[in-house]
C-alpha cells in the first residue's frame, strides 16, 4: 500500500491547480482566477511503488454556480519522458524532495491502474488514510485483456478520452474521464464505470461517474 506523508508541499497541489485549470478546454470558470478547494476523490496504488496516483475532485466557485472538476494526478520523483505537455508543475515535498506532478490521463501508470480498478484487479484507496480501502468507490468492467496500454489522449468539452489497447482485443477501448462532475450522472452507456463521491459547495455529499469505459 502507498504511504501518505502528512507533510508540506511548496507550492501546494491546489496552488498549482489555480494556475493550471484555466488552461484546460473543459474549465468553465470566468475571468476571475479560480479558487479550487479539495472536494473528494481517492487514490490507487502503483504496484511498483514508484508513482503516486490520486483522483482529486476540486470545487471551484461558491453557491449554485460552483463547479466540481476531476483532476487525476500522478506524483513522480523524476520527469516522465515525453510528457512535458502534461506537467501540472513541480513541488517540494517535505519528505520526498522535488515531485513532478502530471495530469494523470497522460501517465501510463495511472491509466494501467484505472483499467485494473475497472476490471476488479485493483482497489480504490482512501484519499487521506494509509492502508485503507475506500468502499464508497465502485467500479465495473468486463475486461477483454489482462492489461491495457495507453495509445492517445483526446480532450473534449467536459471530459478527457483516454484511448487504450487491451491485451488481445481487436478494437481499442476509450476510458472517458469526466472532468466536470455532475451529481447523479452515471456517464451514459458503456462497458463499465467508476462511481465515486465528492462534496458540493454547501458541504453535502454528491455521487456520480468519475470515469466510463466506452465500447
Protein backbone atom coordinates (compact mmCIF):
# COMPACT_ATOMS: atom_id res chain seq x y z
CA UNK A 1 0.00 0.00 0.00
CA UNK A 2 1.17 3.53 -0.75
CA UNK A 3 2.24 5.62 2.22
CA UNK A 4 0.61 9.04 2.61
CA UNK A 5 3.13 11.50 4.01
CA UNK A 6 1.43 14.15 6.12
CA UNK A 7 3.92 16.89 5.41
CA UNK A 8 4.31 20.14 3.48
CA UNK A 9 4.34 20.73 -0.26
CA UNK A 10 5.53 24.03 -1.71
CA UNK A 11 3.68 25.05 -3.75
CA UNK A 12 0.64 23.03 -2.75
CA UNK A 13 -1.34 20.96 -5.22
CA UNK A 14 -4.22 23.44 -5.05
CA UNK A 15 -1.87 26.34 -5.75
CA UNK A 16 -0.60 24.54 -8.83
CA UNK A 17 -4.16 23.83 -9.97
CA UNK A 18 -5.07 27.51 -9.60
CA UNK A 19 -2.67 28.27 -12.44
CA UNK A 20 -3.32 25.10 -14.45
CA UNK A 21 -7.12 24.84 -14.53
CA UNK A 22 -7.74 27.95 -16.71
CA UNK A 23 -5.54 26.41 -19.42
CA UNK A 24 -7.95 23.47 -19.83
CA UNK A 25 -10.59 23.43 -22.58
CA UNK A 26 -13.14 21.98 -20.14
CA UNK A 27 -12.66 24.66 -17.46
CA UNK A 28 -15.86 26.73 -17.29
CA UNK A 29 -14.73 29.50 -14.94
CA UNK A 30 -14.95 33.12 -15.91
CA UNK A 31 -12.44 35.94 -15.88
CA UNK A 32 -11.76 35.67 -12.15
CA UNK A 33 -8.90 33.46 -11.03
CA UNK A 34 -10.03 30.01 -9.90
CA UNK A 35 -10.11 29.17 -6.21
CA UNK A 36 -10.12 25.35 -6.17
CA UNK A 37 -10.84 23.55 -2.91
CA UNK A 38 -10.39 19.86 -2.31
CA UNK A 39 -13.79 18.16 -2.51
CA UNK A 40 -13.07 14.42 -2.53
CA UNK A 41 -11.50 11.65 -4.51
CA UNK A 42 -9.45 8.52 -3.96
CA UNK A 43 -6.02 7.04 -4.58
CA UNK A 44 -4.69 3.99 -6.43
CA UNK A 45 -1.53 2.06 -5.67
CA UNK A 46 1.30 1.73 -8.16
CA UNK A 47 2.36 -1.95 -7.96
CA UNK A 48 5.98 -0.84 -8.38
CA UNK A 49 5.67 1.64 -5.52
CA UNK A 50 7.25 4.45 -7.53
CA UNK A 51 4.39 6.68 -8.70
CA UNK A 52 1.75 8.35 -6.53
CA UNK A 53 -1.73 8.17 -8.08
CA UNK A 54 -4.64 10.36 -6.97
CA UNK A 55 -8.03 11.14 -8.45
CA UNK A 56 -8.79 14.52 -6.87
CA UNK A 57 -12.16 16.26 -7.05
CA UNK A 58 -11.95 20.02 -6.59
CA UNK A 59 -14.75 22.53 -6.18
CA UNK A 60 -14.35 25.94 -7.77
CA UNK A 61 -16.65 28.85 -7.04
CA UNK A 62 -19.38 29.41 -4.46
CA UNK A 63 -23.09 28.83 -4.15
CA UNK A 64 -25.16 27.42 -7.02
CA UNK A 65 -22.53 28.48 -9.57
CA UNK A 66 -19.81 26.28 -8.06
CA UNK A 67 -18.42 23.59 -10.36
CA UNK A 68 -16.71 20.34 -9.36
CA UNK A 69 -13.81 19.18 -11.52
CA UNK A 70 -11.95 15.87 -11.56
CA UNK A 71 -8.17 16.05 -11.83
CA UNK A 72 -6.37 12.69 -11.90
CA UNK A 73 -2.76 13.34 -10.91
CA UNK A 74 0.47 11.39 -10.68
CA UNK A 75 3.41 12.30 -8.48
CA UNK A 76 6.86 11.27 -9.67
CA UNK A 77 10.40 11.58 -8.33
CA UNK A 78 11.76 12.34 -11.82
CA UNK A 79 10.31 13.76 -15.04
CA UNK A 80 8.15 11.47 -17.18
CA UNK A 81 9.84 11.30 -20.57
CA UNK A 82 7.78 12.76 -23.39
CA UNK A 83 5.11 14.18 -21.07
CA UNK A 84 6.22 17.80 -20.81
CA UNK A 85 2.83 18.91 -22.18
CA UNK A 86 1.06 17.12 -19.32
CA UNK A 87 3.11 18.63 -16.48
CA UNK A 88 0.95 20.50 -13.98
CA UNK A 89 4.01 21.69 -12.08
CA UNK A 90 6.73 20.75 -9.63
CA UNK A 91 6.58 20.94 -5.86
CA UNK A 92 8.99 20.49 -2.99
CA UNK A 93 7.75 17.67 -0.78
CA UNK A 94 8.80 17.81 2.88
CA UNK A 95 9.88 14.15 2.87
CA UNK A 96 10.44 13.08 -0.73
CA UNK A 97 12.00 16.23 -2.21
CA UNK A 98 11.10 17.50 -5.66
CA UNK A 99 7.98 15.92 -7.12
CA UNK A 100 6.88 16.23 -10.73
CA UNK A 101 3.08 16.41 -10.81
CA UNK A 102 1.33 15.36 -14.01
CA UNK A 103 -2.15 15.32 -15.46
CA UNK A 104 -2.59 11.60 -14.89
CA UNK A 105 -4.60 10.98 -18.04
CA UNK A 106 -1.26 11.16 -19.89
CA UNK A 107 0.60 8.88 -17.46
CA UNK A 108 0.72 5.19 -18.45
CA UNK A 109 0.97 4.09 -14.80
CA UNK A 110 -2.29 5.80 -13.83
CA UNK A 111 -4.04 4.56 -16.97
CA UNK A 112 -2.97 0.96 -16.31
CA UNK A 113 -4.20 1.12 -12.72
CA UNK A 114 -7.50 2.74 -13.72
CA UNK A 115 -8.04 -0.18 -16.09
CA UNK A 116 -7.15 -2.58 -13.28
CA UNK A 117 -9.66 -0.83 -11.00
CA UNK A 118 -12.41 -1.15 -13.61
CA UNK A 119 -11.54 -4.82 -14.12
CA UNK A 120 -11.63 -5.58 -10.40
CA UNK A 121 -7.89 -6.19 -10.09
CA UNK A 122 -7.17 -3.05 -8.05
CA UNK A 123 -8.92 -1.39 -5.11
CA UNK A 124 -9.59 2.29 -4.57
CA UNK A 125 -7.64 3.57 -1.58
CA UNK A 126 -8.75 6.21 0.90
CA UNK A 127 -7.53 9.64 -0.14
CA UNK A 128 -6.15 10.60 3.28
CA UNK A 129 -5.58 7.41 5.29
CA UNK A 130 -2.80 4.81 4.87
CA UNK A 131 -3.61 1.16 4.22
CA UNK A 132 -7.35 1.79 3.94
CA UNK A 133 -9.61 0.97 1.03
CA UNK A 134 -12.46 3.31 0.09
CA UNK A 135 -15.68 1.26 -0.09
CA UNK A 136 -17.65 4.22 -1.47
CA UNK A 137 -15.84 3.86 -4.81
CA UNK A 138 -17.42 1.25 -7.08
CA UNK A 139 -16.12 0.04 -10.42
CA UNK A 140 -17.20 -2.45 -13.07
CA UNK A 141 -15.89 -3.61 -16.44
CA UNK A 142 -15.90 -6.81 -18.46
CA UNK A 143 -12.23 -6.68 -19.45
CA UNK A 144 -11.05 -8.04 -22.79
CA UNK A 145 -7.46 -8.49 -21.67
CA UNK A 146 -5.15 -8.75 -18.69
CA UNK A 147 -3.96 -5.17 -19.08
CA UNK A 148 -4.23 -2.09 -21.27
CA UNK A 149 -1.69 0.20 -22.91
CA UNK A 150 -2.13 3.95 -23.36
CA UNK A 151 -2.50 4.88 -27.05
CA UNK A 152 -3.57 8.53 -27.13
CA UNK A 153 -5.45 11.23 -25.22
CA UNK A 154 -8.22 13.40 -26.66
CA UNK A 155 -9.73 16.42 -24.91
CA UNK A 156 -13.48 17.09 -25.00
CA UNK A 157 -15.68 19.94 -23.78
CA UNK A 158 -16.33 18.33 -20.37
CA UNK A 159 -14.23 15.17 -20.44
CA UNK A 160 -10.92 13.65 -21.45
CA UNK A 161 -10.90 10.47 -23.55
CA UNK A 162 -8.02 8.09 -22.91
CA UNK A 163 -7.79 5.54 -25.71
CA UNK A 164 -6.16 2.27 -24.66
CA UNK A 165 -5.29 -1.01 -26.33
CA UNK A 166 -6.42 -4.03 -24.33
CA UNK A 167 -4.18 -7.07 -24.48
CA UNK A 168 -5.65 -9.46 -27.03
CA UNK A 169 -8.53 -7.18 -28.05
CA UNK A 170 -9.27 -6.41 -31.68
CA UNK A 171 -10.52 -2.87 -31.13
CA UNK A 172 -9.34 -0.05 -28.83
CA UNK A 173 -11.23 0.93 -25.69
CA UNK A 174 -11.93 4.52 -24.63
CA UNK A 175 -11.78 5.43 -20.94
CA UNK A 176 -13.72 8.67 -20.64
CA UNK A 177 -12.65 10.75 -17.63
CA UNK A 178 -15.46 13.04 -16.52
CA UNK A 179 -13.73 16.38 -15.95
CA UNK A 180 -16.90 18.24 -14.95
CA UNK A 181 -18.58 16.16 -12.25
CA UNK A 182 -22.37 16.09 -12.16
CA UNK A 183 -24.37 14.61 -9.26
CA UNK A 184 -26.39 11.54 -10.17
CA UNK A 185 -24.85 11.14 -13.62
CA UNK A 186 -23.66 7.63 -14.47
CA UNK A 187 -21.84 8.66 -17.63
CA UNK A 188 -24.26 7.05 -20.07
CA UNK A 189 -23.99 3.70 -21.88
CA UNK A 190 -20.69 1.89 -21.65
CA UNK A 191 -18.94 -1.36 -20.75
CA UNK A 192 -18.24 -0.17 -17.23
CA UNK A 193 -17.72 2.83 -14.99
CA UNK A 194 -16.16 4.18 -11.82
CA UNK A 195 -18.65 5.81 -9.45
CA UNK A 196 -17.42 7.90 -6.52
CA UNK A 197 -18.35 10.75 -4.20
CA UNK A 198 -17.41 14.39 -3.73
CA UNK A 199 -18.66 17.33 -1.65
CA UNK A 200 -20.82 20.10 -3.05
CA UNK A 201 -20.24 23.77 -2.19
CA UNK A 202 -22.82 23.55 0.62
CA UNK A 203 -20.99 20.61 2.20
CA UNK A 204 -23.48 17.92 1.19
CA UNK A 205 -22.28 14.74 -0.50
CA UNK A 206 -22.76 14.08 -4.20
CA UNK A 207 -22.12 10.93 -6.21
CA UNK A 208 -21.62 10.36 -9.91
CA UNK A 209 -19.39 8.94 -12.61
CA UNK A 210 -15.68 9.65 -12.45
CA UNK A 211 -14.88 7.51 -15.49
CA UNK A 212 -16.76 5.47 -18.09
CA UNK A 213 -15.41 2.68 -20.29
CA UNK A 214 -16.90 3.17 -23.75
CA UNK A 215 -17.16 0.18 -26.07
